[in-house]
N, C-alpha and C. Protein backbone atom coordinates (compact mmCIF):
# COMPACT_ATOMS: atom_id res chain seq x y z
N MET A 1 125.01 109.22 80.38
CA MET A 1 124.06 108.42 79.66
C MET A 1 123.86 108.93 78.23
N GLU A 2 123.95 110.23 78.08
CA GLU A 2 123.79 110.77 76.73
C GLU A 2 124.92 110.32 75.82
N ALA A 3 126.08 110.05 76.40
CA ALA A 3 127.21 109.58 75.61
C ALA A 3 126.91 108.23 74.98
N GLN A 4 126.15 107.40 75.70
CA GLN A 4 125.78 106.09 75.16
C GLN A 4 124.87 106.25 73.95
N TYR A 5 123.90 107.14 74.06
CA TYR A 5 123.02 107.42 72.92
C TYR A 5 123.84 107.92 71.73
N ALA A 6 124.71 108.89 72.02
CA ALA A 6 125.51 109.50 70.97
C ALA A 6 126.40 108.47 70.29
N TYR A 7 126.97 107.57 71.08
CA TYR A 7 127.84 106.54 70.51
C TYR A 7 127.07 105.62 69.57
N VAL A 8 125.92 105.14 70.00
CA VAL A 8 125.13 104.22 69.18
C VAL A 8 124.63 104.92 67.91
N ILE A 9 124.17 106.13 68.06
CA ILE A 9 123.67 106.87 66.89
C ILE A 9 124.81 107.19 65.93
N ALA A 10 125.97 107.59 66.47
CA ALA A 10 127.12 107.88 65.62
C ALA A 10 127.60 106.62 64.90
N GLU A 11 127.60 105.51 65.61
CA GLU A 11 128.00 104.24 64.99
C GLU A 11 127.08 103.89 63.83
N TRP A 12 125.79 104.09 64.04
CA TRP A 12 124.81 103.79 62.99
C TRP A 12 124.94 104.76 61.82
N ALA A 13 125.12 106.04 62.14
CA ALA A 13 125.21 107.06 61.09
C ALA A 13 126.48 106.92 60.26
N ASN A 14 127.56 106.47 60.86
CA ASN A 14 128.83 106.34 60.15
C ASN A 14 128.95 105.04 59.36
N SER A 15 128.01 104.13 59.54
CA SER A 15 128.07 102.88 58.79
C SER A 15 127.57 103.11 57.36
N ALA A 16 127.84 102.15 56.52
CA ALA A 16 127.42 102.27 55.12
C ALA A 16 125.90 102.29 55.02
N GLU A 17 125.39 102.86 53.93
CA GLU A 17 123.94 103.02 53.78
C GLU A 17 123.24 101.67 53.76
N ASP A 18 123.84 100.68 53.10
CA ASP A 18 123.23 99.34 53.09
C ASP A 18 123.20 98.75 54.49
N ALA A 19 124.27 98.97 55.23
CA ALA A 19 124.35 98.46 56.60
C ALA A 19 123.32 99.16 57.49
N GLN A 20 123.07 100.43 57.24
CA GLN A 20 122.07 101.15 58.03
C GLN A 20 120.70 100.50 57.89
N LEU A 21 120.36 100.10 56.67
CA LEU A 21 119.05 99.49 56.44
C LEU A 21 118.98 98.08 57.01
N THR A 22 120.04 97.30 56.84
CA THR A 22 119.99 95.91 57.29
C THR A 22 120.17 95.80 58.80
N GLU A 23 120.89 96.71 59.41
CA GLU A 23 121.14 96.63 60.85
C GLU A 23 120.28 97.59 61.66
N TYR A 24 119.21 98.05 61.07
CA TYR A 24 118.32 99.00 61.74
C TYR A 24 117.81 98.43 63.05
N TYR A 25 117.34 97.18 63.02
CA TYR A 25 116.77 96.58 64.23
C TYR A 25 117.84 96.29 65.28
N THR A 26 119.06 96.04 64.84
CA THR A 26 120.15 95.84 65.80
C THR A 26 120.40 97.12 66.59
N TYR A 27 120.46 98.24 65.88
CA TYR A 27 120.67 99.52 66.57
C TYR A 27 119.45 99.93 67.39
N LEU A 28 118.28 99.61 66.89
CA LEU A 28 117.06 99.88 67.65
C LEU A 28 117.07 99.08 68.95
N PHE A 29 117.50 97.83 68.89
CA PHE A 29 117.59 97.01 70.09
C PHE A 29 118.62 97.58 71.06
N LYS A 30 119.77 98.06 70.55
CA LYS A 30 120.78 98.67 71.42
C LYS A 30 120.22 99.89 72.13
N MET A 31 119.50 100.73 71.40
CA MET A 31 118.92 101.94 72.01
C MET A 31 117.86 101.56 73.06
N THR A 32 117.06 100.56 72.73
CA THR A 32 116.03 100.11 73.68
C THR A 32 116.68 99.56 74.94
N LYS A 33 117.76 98.82 74.78
CA LYS A 33 118.47 98.27 75.93
C LYS A 33 119.04 99.38 76.81
N ILE A 34 119.59 100.41 76.18
CA ILE A 34 120.14 101.54 76.94
C ILE A 34 119.03 102.24 77.73
N VAL A 35 117.90 102.49 77.08
CA VAL A 35 116.77 103.15 77.75
C VAL A 35 116.27 102.30 78.90
N PHE A 36 116.18 100.99 78.69
CA PHE A 36 115.71 100.09 79.74
C PHE A 36 116.66 100.10 80.93
N LEU A 37 117.95 100.04 80.69
CA LEU A 37 118.93 100.05 81.78
C LEU A 37 118.92 101.37 82.54
N ILE A 38 118.76 102.46 81.83
CA ILE A 38 118.68 103.76 82.50
C ILE A 38 117.43 103.83 83.37
N THR A 39 116.32 103.32 82.87
CA THR A 39 115.07 103.32 83.63
C THR A 39 115.21 102.47 84.89
N ILE A 40 115.81 101.29 84.77
CA ILE A 40 116.03 100.44 85.94
C ILE A 40 116.95 101.16 86.94
N GLY A 41 117.98 101.82 86.45
CA GLY A 41 118.87 102.56 87.34
C GLY A 41 118.15 103.66 88.10
N HIS A 42 117.27 104.38 87.42
CA HIS A 42 116.51 105.44 88.09
C HIS A 42 115.56 104.86 89.13
N CYS A 43 114.93 103.73 88.82
CA CYS A 43 114.01 103.10 89.78
C CYS A 43 114.76 102.64 91.03
N VAL A 44 115.93 102.05 90.84
CA VAL A 44 116.73 101.61 91.99
C VAL A 44 117.15 102.81 92.82
N ARG A 45 117.57 103.89 92.15
CA ARG A 45 117.97 105.09 92.88
C ARG A 45 116.81 105.66 93.69
N GLN A 46 115.62 105.73 93.09
CA GLN A 46 114.45 106.25 93.80
C GLN A 46 114.10 105.38 95.00
N TYR A 47 114.21 104.06 94.86
CA TYR A 47 113.92 103.14 95.96
C TYR A 47 114.89 103.37 97.11
N ILE A 48 116.17 103.51 96.79
CA ILE A 48 117.18 103.75 97.83
C ILE A 48 116.92 105.07 98.54
N VAL A 49 116.60 106.11 97.79
CA VAL A 49 116.33 107.42 98.40
C VAL A 49 115.11 107.35 99.31
N ARG A 50 114.06 106.66 98.86
CA ARG A 50 112.86 106.54 99.70
C ARG A 50 113.14 105.78 100.98
N CYS A 51 113.95 104.72 100.89
CA CYS A 51 114.31 103.97 102.10
C CYS A 51 115.13 104.82 103.05
N LEU A 52 116.07 105.58 102.52
CA LEU A 52 116.88 106.46 103.37
C LEU A 52 116.03 107.52 104.05
N ILE A 53 115.10 108.09 103.32
CA ILE A 53 114.22 109.12 103.90
C ILE A 53 113.35 108.52 104.99
N ALA A 54 112.78 107.34 104.73
CA ALA A 54 111.93 106.69 105.73
C ALA A 54 112.72 106.37 106.99
N ASN A 55 113.93 105.86 106.84
CA ASN A 55 114.76 105.54 108.01
C ASN A 55 115.13 106.80 108.78
N THR A 56 115.44 107.86 108.06
CA THR A 56 115.79 109.11 108.72
C THR A 56 114.60 109.68 109.48
N LEU A 57 113.43 109.67 108.86
CA LEU A 57 112.24 110.18 109.55
C LEU A 57 111.93 109.36 110.80
N GLU A 58 112.11 108.05 110.70
CA GLU A 58 111.85 107.20 111.86
C GLU A 58 112.82 107.50 113.00
N LYS A 59 114.10 107.69 112.66
CA LYS A 59 115.09 108.01 113.69
C LYS A 59 114.80 109.36 114.35
N VAL A 60 114.44 110.35 113.55
CA VAL A 60 114.13 111.67 114.09
C VAL A 60 112.90 111.59 115.00
N HIS A 61 111.89 110.85 114.56
CA HIS A 61 110.68 110.71 115.35
C HIS A 61 110.98 110.06 116.70
N LYS A 62 111.76 108.99 116.67
CA LYS A 62 112.10 108.30 117.92
C LYS A 62 112.92 109.20 118.84
N GLU A 63 113.84 109.96 118.25
CA GLU A 63 114.68 110.85 119.06
C GLU A 63 113.85 111.95 119.71
N VAL A 64 112.95 112.54 118.95
CA VAL A 64 112.09 113.60 119.50
C VAL A 64 111.17 113.04 120.57
N LEU A 65 110.60 111.86 120.31
CA LEU A 65 109.73 111.23 121.30
C LEU A 65 110.48 110.95 122.59
N THR A 66 111.69 110.44 122.47
CA THR A 66 112.50 110.16 123.66
C THR A 66 112.79 111.43 124.44
N LYS A 67 113.12 112.51 123.73
CA LYS A 67 113.41 113.77 124.42
C LYS A 67 112.17 114.35 125.08
N ILE A 68 111.01 114.19 124.45
CA ILE A 68 109.77 114.71 125.05
C ILE A 68 109.39 113.91 126.28
N ILE A 69 109.57 112.59 126.19
CA ILE A 69 109.23 111.75 127.34
C ILE A 69 110.14 112.05 128.52
N ARG A 70 111.40 112.36 128.26
CA ARG A 70 112.36 112.63 129.33
C ARG A 70 112.38 114.10 129.76
N ALA A 71 111.56 114.92 129.14
CA ALA A 71 111.54 116.35 129.50
C ALA A 71 110.94 116.53 130.90
N PRO A 72 111.46 117.50 131.62
CA PRO A 72 110.92 117.77 132.97
C PRO A 72 109.46 118.24 132.88
N ILE A 73 108.65 117.75 133.75
CA ILE A 73 107.22 118.05 133.72
C ILE A 73 106.96 119.54 133.92
N ASN A 74 107.60 120.14 134.89
CA ASN A 74 107.30 121.54 135.19
C ASN A 74 107.85 122.51 134.15
N LYS A 75 108.83 122.11 133.33
CA LYS A 75 109.40 123.03 132.35
C LYS A 75 108.85 122.82 130.94
N PHE A 76 108.31 121.65 130.68
CA PHE A 76 107.83 121.41 129.31
C PHE A 76 106.33 121.18 129.27
N PHE A 77 105.85 120.21 130.01
CA PHE A 77 104.43 119.82 129.90
C PHE A 77 103.49 120.87 130.49
N ASP A 78 103.92 121.60 131.48
CA ASP A 78 103.08 122.65 132.04
C ASP A 78 103.00 123.86 131.11
N VAL A 79 104.04 124.10 130.32
CA VAL A 79 104.11 125.25 129.44
C VAL A 79 103.54 124.95 128.05
N THR A 80 103.76 123.75 127.53
CA THR A 80 103.34 123.38 126.18
C THR A 80 102.00 122.68 126.23
N PRO A 81 101.01 123.15 125.45
CA PRO A 81 99.70 122.49 125.43
C PRO A 81 99.80 121.07 124.85
N THR A 82 99.01 120.17 125.40
CA THR A 82 99.03 118.77 124.95
C THR A 82 98.63 118.66 123.48
N GLY A 83 97.68 119.48 123.05
CA GLY A 83 97.24 119.44 121.65
C GLY A 83 98.37 119.78 120.69
N SER A 84 99.22 120.69 121.08
CA SER A 84 100.35 121.07 120.24
C SER A 84 101.32 119.91 120.07
N ILE A 85 101.58 119.21 121.16
CA ILE A 85 102.48 118.05 121.10
C ILE A 85 101.90 116.96 120.21
N LEU A 86 100.63 116.64 120.43
CA LEU A 86 99.98 115.59 119.64
C LEU A 86 99.90 115.97 118.17
N ASN A 87 99.63 117.24 117.90
CA ASN A 87 99.53 117.70 116.51
C ASN A 87 100.86 117.53 115.78
N ARG A 88 101.95 117.84 116.44
CA ARG A 88 103.27 117.69 115.80
C ARG A 88 103.59 116.22 115.52
N PHE A 89 103.27 115.35 116.45
CA PHE A 89 103.54 113.93 116.22
C PHE A 89 102.60 113.35 115.17
N ASN A 90 101.39 113.82 115.12
CA ASN A 90 100.46 113.38 114.07
C ASN A 90 101.00 113.78 112.70
N GLY A 91 101.52 114.99 112.59
CA GLY A 91 102.09 115.46 111.33
C GLY A 91 103.30 114.61 110.91
N ASP A 92 104.12 114.24 111.90
CA ASP A 92 105.29 113.39 111.61
C ASP A 92 104.85 112.01 111.12
N MET A 93 103.83 111.46 111.73
CA MET A 93 103.40 110.12 111.37
C MET A 93 102.74 110.06 110.00
N GLU A 94 102.20 111.17 109.53
CA GLU A 94 101.58 111.20 108.19
C GLU A 94 102.63 111.05 107.10
N HIS A 95 103.86 111.41 107.38
CA HIS A 95 104.92 111.30 106.37
C HIS A 95 105.44 109.88 106.22
N PHE A 96 105.14 109.00 107.17
CA PHE A 96 105.55 107.61 107.05
C PHE A 96 104.61 106.97 106.10
């Protein structure tokens, strides 16, 4: 992305002095367009990452819940306090 800035600035700097003054707003518009496109790209990337994280957390939560439900009563539920199990699932649900 920095190459785009450098290209536009170099193009403007290498033009004639009269052209620099008359085409100032053209180059300003090009720079604004580059900044806008970069911002949109970052927003899209953040949205995709958040969706991936949410889907991953949901899959992990379902998998853990399934394994806890299928755990043998005498080996898991008798040994692990109910509050501990509920506390862990509460913590997982806060991240959604």
